[in-house]
Amino acid sequence: MLILLSGDDEFKKQIQLDELIYGYCSDLNQLKTIEDPSFSELINFLNRPQSLFSFNNETTKKAYLIKNFYLLKPKDKEEDNEQSAKSKDDEKLIEFCLNIIKNTQQESLVIFISNSIKGTLKFVKELKKIDNCKHLELNKFKNWDLEPCLIYLKKLIKKCPEIKISDKDLGQFIKYLGTENLGEIFQTLETLSQSFDKIDFNLLKKYSQPKYDLFNFAEVLVSGKKAEAIQELRKIKADPEQKNNLGIIGLLHNQLNLYQSIKLLEIDKFNNDQIAEKLGIKSGRVYHLKLNSKNIKLTRLEKLSEQLFGYEKKIKTGELKLLEALSLLIHSEEDQPALI
């Protein structure tokens, strides 16, 4: 199968990419990727010896992702691009490359991905002549695309039974954040579903004020990005509604527990699908959480969790204020060796 994937919505493209990979070979770890290849690099990438593509002993399926191949996207003028192709690669080399792609896609999944794929370019035209070639263009919703955005999100939510929200509340949230922020909308729903059985618009609004991002605060705090965490905390402090919002503590607990669980299961050699099954989340989310936390040590996560539990007790007994506790979490490592 040959897929041409383009468009300016990175979230839609990632969702589509995950579906393609899982639908074909069931594991993102089986995907081989190359970025900005020259013609010769692309040929070598697709034409490597069979043994180098033995992802494991149980599968022979292969998936190849080619990012930003220069002959798929136009330069300032299409004529310049065509001339550049002819000057760099003669017709025989281009034909040879096309034959390799044609043969490879018969037994494997081949995906070209780029923000722009110009359908009038000669190389693109030749690719589209190959059997089983599909061009999927995924652009951001316009601000008037409320209904298409709602339909798209409802389809995603069907695959995530843990997310419980009415169509009315979802529609209100889309209007609140804007259809162009599709990825942020879904991430908010996915994260809050870990803490709340039922999500409504008021809850979403509480955790998703446009002027700050609680989820980003959790991520930069865990990652030890002190300057970014301080900047985000200042935005949170500017909102009087957040000074007693203990839901922030709950969100931080959930994020820390999620990262710790993934780290521990990773140590025990569980793969993405097994981790996803144990934690009740999607494999694609496991992949990205692992990527985001690859430089975070388990010792740091454990220490932050211990501190957070201690601060929560003091907040509930009136010994400490919530925003003071968040500040202490950021500055707690000042006199300690770096853990990440």
Protein backbone atom coordinates (compact mmCIF):
# COMPACT_ATOMS: atom_id res chain seq x y z
CA MET A 1 0.00 0.00 0.00
CA LEU A 2 1.27 3.49 -0.88
CA ILE A 3 -0.01 6.51 1.07
CA LEU A 4 0.70 10.19 0.39
CA LEU A 5 -0.12 12.12 3.58
CA SER A 6 -0.18 15.92 3.55
CA GLY A 7 -1.85 18.92 5.18
CA ASP A 8 -1.25 21.53 7.88
CA ASP A 9 -2.99 19.77 10.79
CA GLU A 10 -0.28 17.83 12.64
CA PHE A 11 -2.79 16.27 15.04
CA LYS A 12 -4.97 14.85 12.25
CA LYS A 13 -1.90 13.57 10.43
CA GLN A 14 -0.59 11.84 13.57
CA ILE A 15 -3.97 10.22 14.23
CA GLN A 16 -4.14 9.04 10.61
CA LEU A 17 -0.55 7.81 10.75
CA ASP A 18 -1.22 5.83 13.94
CA GLU A 19 -4.31 4.24 12.37
CA LEU A 20 -2.37 3.28 9.25
CA ILE A 21 0.53 1.76 11.19
CA TYR A 22 -1.59 -0.09 13.76
CA GLY A 23 -3.96 -1.28 11.06
CA TYR A 24 -1.08 -2.69 9.07
CA CYS A 25 1.55 -3.95 11.50
CA SER A 26 -0.04 -3.32 14.93
CA ASP A 27 3.03 -1.69 16.51
CA LEU A 28 4.69 1.70 15.97
CA ASN A 29 8.00 0.09 16.88
CA GLN A 30 7.86 -1.74 13.55
CA LEU A 31 7.95 1.54 11.63
CA LYS A 32 11.18 2.58 9.89
CA THR A 33 11.59 6.31 9.25
CA ILE A 34 13.79 8.54 7.11
CA GLU A 35 13.62 12.34 6.93
CA ASP A 36 14.63 14.74 4.13
CA PRO A 37 16.28 11.99 2.06
CA SER A 38 18.17 12.53 -1.16
CA PHE A 39 17.28 10.29 -4.09
CA SER A 40 20.11 7.87 -3.36
CA GLU A 41 19.26 7.77 0.36
CA LEU A 42 15.64 6.97 -0.43
CA ILE A 43 16.65 4.17 -2.79
CA ASN A 44 18.99 2.67 -0.19
CA PHE A 45 16.34 3.04 2.52
CA LEU A 46 13.77 1.04 0.54
CA ASN A 47 16.25 -1.38 -0.99
CA ARG A 48 18.14 -2.60 2.08
CA PRO A 49 18.83 -6.31 2.57
CA GLN A 50 15.91 -8.26 4.00
CA SER A 51 17.67 -9.08 7.27
CA LEU A 52 17.87 -5.45 8.30
CA PHE A 53 14.08 -5.27 8.41
CA SER A 54 13.56 -8.16 10.79
CA PHE A 55 11.68 -6.22 13.43
CA ASN A 56 11.06 -9.38 15.42
CA ASN A 57 10.84 -13.10 14.81
CA GLU A 58 7.07 -13.14 14.68
CA THR A 59 6.33 -10.75 11.83
CA THR A 60 7.57 -10.06 8.32
CA LYS A 61 5.41 -6.99 7.75
CA LYS A 62 7.28 -3.78 7.07
CA ALA A 63 6.25 -0.14 7.24
CA TYR A 64 8.30 2.74 5.85
CA LEU A 65 7.75 6.43 6.59
CA ILE A 66 9.44 8.99 4.33
CA LYS A 67 9.24 12.54 5.67
CA ASN A 68 9.59 15.63 3.49
CA PHE A 69 10.97 14.11 0.30
CA TYR A 70 11.98 17.13 -1.77
CA LEU A 71 10.38 16.04 -5.05
CA LEU A 72 6.90 16.06 -3.48
CA LYS A 73 6.82 19.74 -2.57
CA PRO A 74 7.03 22.76 -4.85
CA LYS A 75 9.69 25.43 -4.68
CA ASP A 76 9.01 29.06 -5.48
CA LYS A 77 8.03 28.03 -9.00
CA GLU A 78 7.00 24.58 -10.16
CA GLU A 79 9.23 24.94 -13.21
CA ASP A 80 12.28 25.46 -10.95
CA ASN A 81 11.44 22.30 -9.04
CA GLU A 82 11.11 20.25 -12.23
CA GLN A 83 14.39 21.61 -13.55
CA SER A 84 16.09 20.89 -10.22
CA ALA A 85 14.90 17.29 -10.36
CA LYS A 86 16.30 16.84 -13.86
CA SER A 87 19.64 18.39 -12.96
CA LYS A 88 20.14 16.25 -9.84
CA ASP A 89 18.72 12.93 -10.93
CA ASP A 90 18.53 11.67 -14.47
CA GLU A 91 15.39 10.02 -15.80
CA LYS A 92 16.78 6.51 -15.39
CA LEU A 93 17.43 7.06 -11.67
CA ILE A 94 13.92 8.44 -11.17
CA GLU A 95 12.43 5.49 -13.02
CA PHE A 96 14.52 3.09 -10.93
CA CYS A 97 13.30 4.74 -7.71
CA LEU A 98 9.67 4.58 -8.83
CA ASN A 99 10.04 0.87 -9.63
CA ILE A 100 11.46 0.22 -6.15
CA ILE A 101 8.54 2.09 -4.56
CA LYS A 102 6.09 0.17 -6.75
CA ASN A 103 7.59 -3.20 -5.79
CA THR A 104 7.96 -2.32 -2.10
CA GLN A 105 4.36 -1.19 -1.64
CA GLN A 106 3.05 -4.50 -2.97
CA GLU A 107 4.18 -6.28 0.21
CA SER A 108 4.71 -3.38 2.61
CA LEU A 109 3.20 -0.10 3.74
CA VAL A 110 4.98 2.93 2.27
CA ILE A 111 3.99 6.39 3.53
CA PHE A 112 5.24 9.72 2.18
CA ILE A 113 4.38 12.57 4.56
CA SER A 114 4.85 16.29 3.98
CA ASN A 115 3.00 19.52 4.79
CA SER A 116 2.53 20.05 1.08
CA ILE A 117 2.36 17.50 -1.74
CA LYS A 118 1.87 19.18 -5.11
CA GLY A 119 -0.34 17.02 -7.29
CA THR A 120 0.83 18.64 -10.54
CA LEU A 121 4.49 17.71 -10.05
CA LYS A 122 5.74 14.98 -12.33
CA PHE A 123 7.03 12.71 -9.56
CA VAL A 124 3.73 12.95 -7.67
CA LYS A 125 1.79 12.15 -10.83
CA GLU A 126 3.94 9.04 -11.34
CA LEU A 127 3.38 7.95 -7.74
CA LYS A 128 -0.38 8.30 -8.13
CA LYS A 129 -0.29 5.96 -11.13
CA ILE A 130 0.87 3.13 -8.84
CA ASP A 131 -1.86 0.70 -7.80
CA ASN A 132 -3.13 1.11 -4.21
CA CYS A 133 -1.86 4.71 -4.00
CA LYS A 134 -4.00 7.07 -1.90
CA HIS A 135 -3.45 10.79 -1.27
CA LEU A 136 -4.89 11.96 2.08
CA GLU A 137 -4.83 15.72 2.67
CA LEU A 138 -5.57 16.68 6.28
CA ASN A 139 -5.87 20.40 6.97
CA LYS A 140 -6.95 22.31 10.06
CA PHE A 141 -10.65 23.00 10.45
CA LYS A 142 -11.66 26.56 9.68
CA ASN A 143 -13.35 28.56 12.43
CA TRP A 144 -16.75 27.99 10.78
CA ASP A 145 -16.28 24.18 10.61
CA LEU A 146 -18.01 23.52 13.93
CA GLU A 147 -20.10 20.58 12.73
CA PRO A 148 -17.25 18.78 10.87
CA CYS A 149 -15.01 19.25 13.91
CA LEU A 150 -17.70 17.85 16.23
CA ILE A 151 -18.22 14.82 13.96
CA TYR A 152 -14.45 14.18 13.81
CA LEU A 153 -14.06 14.34 17.60
CA LYS A 154 -17.09 12.11 18.21
CA LYS A 155 -15.47 9.43 16.02
CA LEU A 156 -12.26 9.67 18.06
CA ILE A 157 -14.16 9.54 21.36
CA LYS A 158 -15.95 6.34 20.28
CA LYS A 159 -12.54 4.66 20.36
CA CYS A 160 -11.95 5.98 23.90
CA PRO A 161 -14.84 4.73 26.10
CA GLU A 162 -13.22 6.32 29.15
CA ILE A 163 -14.11 9.77 27.74
CA LYS A 164 -17.71 10.54 28.73
CA ILE A 165 -19.11 13.86 27.53
CA SER A 166 -22.38 14.99 25.95
CA ASP A 167 -22.53 16.31 22.39
CA LYS A 168 -23.77 19.64 23.76
CA ASP A 169 -20.81 20.11 26.14
CA LEU A 170 -18.37 18.97 23.46
CA GLY A 171 -19.83 21.48 21.00
CA GLN A 172 -19.51 24.28 23.57
CA PHE A 173 -15.89 23.37 24.23
CA ILE A 174 -15.09 23.41 20.51
CA LYS A 175 -16.55 26.92 20.25
CA TYR A 176 -14.61 27.98 23.35
CA LEU A 177 -11.15 26.85 22.22
CA GLY A 178 -11.70 27.07 18.47
CA THR A 179 -11.83 24.38 15.79
CA GLU A 180 -8.22 25.07 14.80
CA ASN A 181 -7.10 23.76 18.23
CA LEU A 182 -8.31 20.22 17.59
CA GLY A 183 -5.28 18.55 19.17
CA GLU A 184 -5.52 20.59 22.37
CA ILE A 185 -9.24 19.85 22.65
CA PHE A 186 -8.72 16.10 22.40
CA GLN A 187 -5.69 16.08 24.72
CA THR A 188 -7.74 17.91 27.36
CA LEU A 189 -10.59 15.39 27.07
CA GLU A 190 -8.18 12.45 27.22
CA THR A 191 -6.32 13.77 30.27
CA LEU A 192 -9.36 14.82 32.29
CA SER A 193 -11.00 11.45 31.67
CA GLN A 194 -8.26 9.94 33.85
CA SER A 195 -9.55 11.99 36.82
CA PHE A 196 -13.27 12.46 36.22
CA ASP A 197 -15.97 9.94 35.31
CA LYS A 198 -18.07 12.56 33.54
CA ILE A 199 -16.78 15.65 31.74
CA ASP A 200 -18.88 18.76 31.15
CA PHE A 201 -18.20 22.20 29.69
CA ASN A 202 -17.71 23.93 33.04
CA LEU A 203 -15.05 21.39 34.01
CA LEU A 204 -13.33 21.75 30.65
CA LYS A 205 -13.35 25.53 30.90
CA LYS A 206 -11.90 25.38 34.39
CA TYR A 207 -8.88 23.38 33.24
CA SER A 208 -8.43 24.93 29.83
CA GLN A 209 -8.28 28.67 30.20
CA PRO A 210 -6.73 30.02 26.97
CA LYS A 211 -4.27 32.16 28.93
CA TYR A 212 -2.48 29.17 30.48
CA ASP A 213 -2.14 25.42 30.11
CA LEU A 214 -2.29 23.18 33.19
CA PHE A 215 -1.23 20.15 31.16
CA ASN A 216 1.85 21.94 29.90
CA PHE A 217 2.64 22.95 33.49
CA ALA A 218 2.50 19.29 34.54
CA GLU A 219 4.76 18.25 31.66
CA VAL A 220 7.45 20.92 32.17
CA LEU A 221 7.39 20.34 35.94
CA VAL A 222 7.98 16.61 35.52
CA SER A 223 10.66 17.26 32.90
CA GLY A 224 12.55 19.62 35.18
CA LYS A 225 12.18 22.62 32.84
CA LYS A 226 12.24 25.11 35.67
CA ALA A 227 12.06 28.36 33.68
CA GLU A 228 9.07 27.15 31.66
CA ALA A 229 7.33 25.85 34.79
CA ILE A 230 7.76 29.22 36.53
CA GLN A 231 6.36 31.02 33.50
CA GLU A 232 3.30 28.76 33.40
CA LEU A 233 2.76 29.05 37.17
CA ARG A 234 2.69 32.86 36.89
CA LYS A 235 -0.17 32.53 34.40
CA ILE A 236 -2.03 30.18 36.75
CA LYS A 237 -1.55 32.56 39.69
CA ALA A 238 -3.06 35.38 37.64
CA ASP A 239 -6.42 33.58 37.66
CA PRO A 240 -8.15 33.96 41.07
CA GLU A 241 -10.29 30.87 40.37
CA GLN A 242 -7.20 28.66 40.56
CA LYS A 243 -5.90 29.65 44.00
CA ASN A 244 -7.94 26.91 45.72
CA ASN A 245 -8.41 24.49 42.83
CA LEU A 246 -7.33 21.14 44.32
CA GLY A 247 -8.11 19.56 40.97
CA ILE A 248 -4.65 20.75 39.90
CA ILE A 249 -3.13 18.43 42.51
CA GLY A 250 -5.24 15.55 41.21
CA LEU A 251 -4.12 16.21 37.67
CA LEU A 252 -0.46 16.26 38.74
CA HIS A 253 -0.93 12.99 40.67
CA ASN A 254 -2.39 11.34 37.56
CA GLN A 255 0.39 12.56 35.27
CA LEU A 256 3.12 11.45 37.69
CA ASN A 257 1.49 8.03 38.18
CA LEU A 258 1.18 7.61 34.41
CA TYR A 259 4.84 8.40 33.79
CA GLN A 260 5.96 6.15 36.66
CA SER A 261 3.83 3.23 35.47
CA ILE A 262 5.20 3.51 31.95
CA LYS A 263 8.79 3.65 33.24
CA LEU A 264 8.29 0.59 35.46
CA LEU A 265 6.60 -1.45 32.72
CA GLU A 266 9.32 -0.40 30.30
CA ILE A 267 11.95 -1.71 32.72
CA ASP A 268 10.07 -5.03 32.77
CA LYS A 269 10.33 -5.18 28.93
CA PHE A 270 6.64 -4.62 28.20
CA ASN A 271 6.01 -3.32 24.69
CA ASN A 272 3.73 -0.39 23.83
CA ASP A 273 0.64 -2.51 23.24
CA GLN A 274 1.08 -4.39 26.52
CA ILE A 275 1.62 -1.13 28.44
CA ALA A 276 -1.47 0.39 26.82
CA GLU A 277 -3.58 -2.62 27.78
CA LYS A 278 -2.42 -2.53 31.41
CA LEU A 279 -2.95 1.23 31.77
CA GLY A 280 -6.17 1.41 29.78
CA ILE A 281 -4.90 3.94 27.25
CA LYS A 282 -4.11 3.85 23.54
CA SER A 283 -0.78 2.50 22.26
CA GLY A 284 -0.21 5.71 20.35
CA ARG A 285 -0.39 7.70 23.56
CA VAL A 286 2.09 5.33 25.22
CA TYR A 287 4.50 5.89 22.34
CA HIS A 288 4.36 9.68 22.70
CA LEU A 289 4.53 9.65 26.51
CA LYS A 290 7.64 7.45 26.31
CA LEU A 291 9.14 9.84 23.78
CA ASN A 292 8.41 12.89 25.97
CA SER A 293 9.79 11.24 29.11
CA LYS A 294 12.83 9.44 27.74
CA ASN A 295 15.22 11.74 29.67
CA ILE A 296 13.23 11.67 32.92
CA LYS A 297 14.61 9.38 35.60
CA LEU A 298 12.30 7.23 37.71
CA THR A 299 13.93 8.59 40.87
CA ARG A 300 12.77 12.10 39.99
CA LEU A 301 9.19 10.94 39.41
CA GLU A 302 9.15 9.08 42.73
CA LYS A 303 10.51 12.08 44.61
CA LEU A 304 7.98 14.46 43.05
CA SER A 305 5.13 12.08 43.94
CA GLU A 306 6.29 11.86 47.54
CA GLN A 307 6.53 15.66 47.79
CA LEU A 308 3.13 16.12 46.17
CA PHE A 309 1.43 13.79 48.68
CA GLY A 310 3.06 15.66 51.54
CA TYR A 311 2.02 19.07 50.20
CA GLU A 312 -1.54 17.86 49.58
CA LYS A 313 -1.91 16.87 53.25
CA LYS A 314 -0.65 20.29 54.36
CA ILE A 315 -3.02 22.06 51.96
CA LYS A 316 -6.01 20.14 53.32
CA THR A 317 -5.04 20.94 56.93
CA GLY A 318 -4.49 24.62 56.13
CA GLU A 319 -0.72 24.55 56.72
CA LEU A 320 0.08 25.40 53.11
CA LYS A 321 -1.63 27.18 50.24
CA LEU A 322 -2.06 25.47 46.87
CA LEU A 323 -0.07 27.95 44.79
CA GLU A 324 2.73 27.94 47.39
CA ALA A 325 2.89 24.16 47.08
CA LEU A 326 3.19 24.37 43.30
CA SER A 327 6.02 26.86 43.70
CA LEU A 328 7.80 24.56 46.17
CA LEU A 329 7.55 21.69 43.67
CA ILE A 330 9.33 23.81 41.07
CA HIS A 331 12.09 24.99 43.41
CA SER A 332 12.56 21.80 45.43
CA GLU A 333 15.59 20.71 43.40
CA GLU A 334 17.62 23.93 43.85
CA ASP A 335 19.92 22.49 46.49
CA GLN A 336 19.90 18.97 45.11
CA PRO A 337 21.89 17.29 42.31
CA ALA A 338 20.01 17.31 39.00
CA LEU A 339 18.00 14.13 38.52
CA ILE A 340 17.42 14.48 34.79
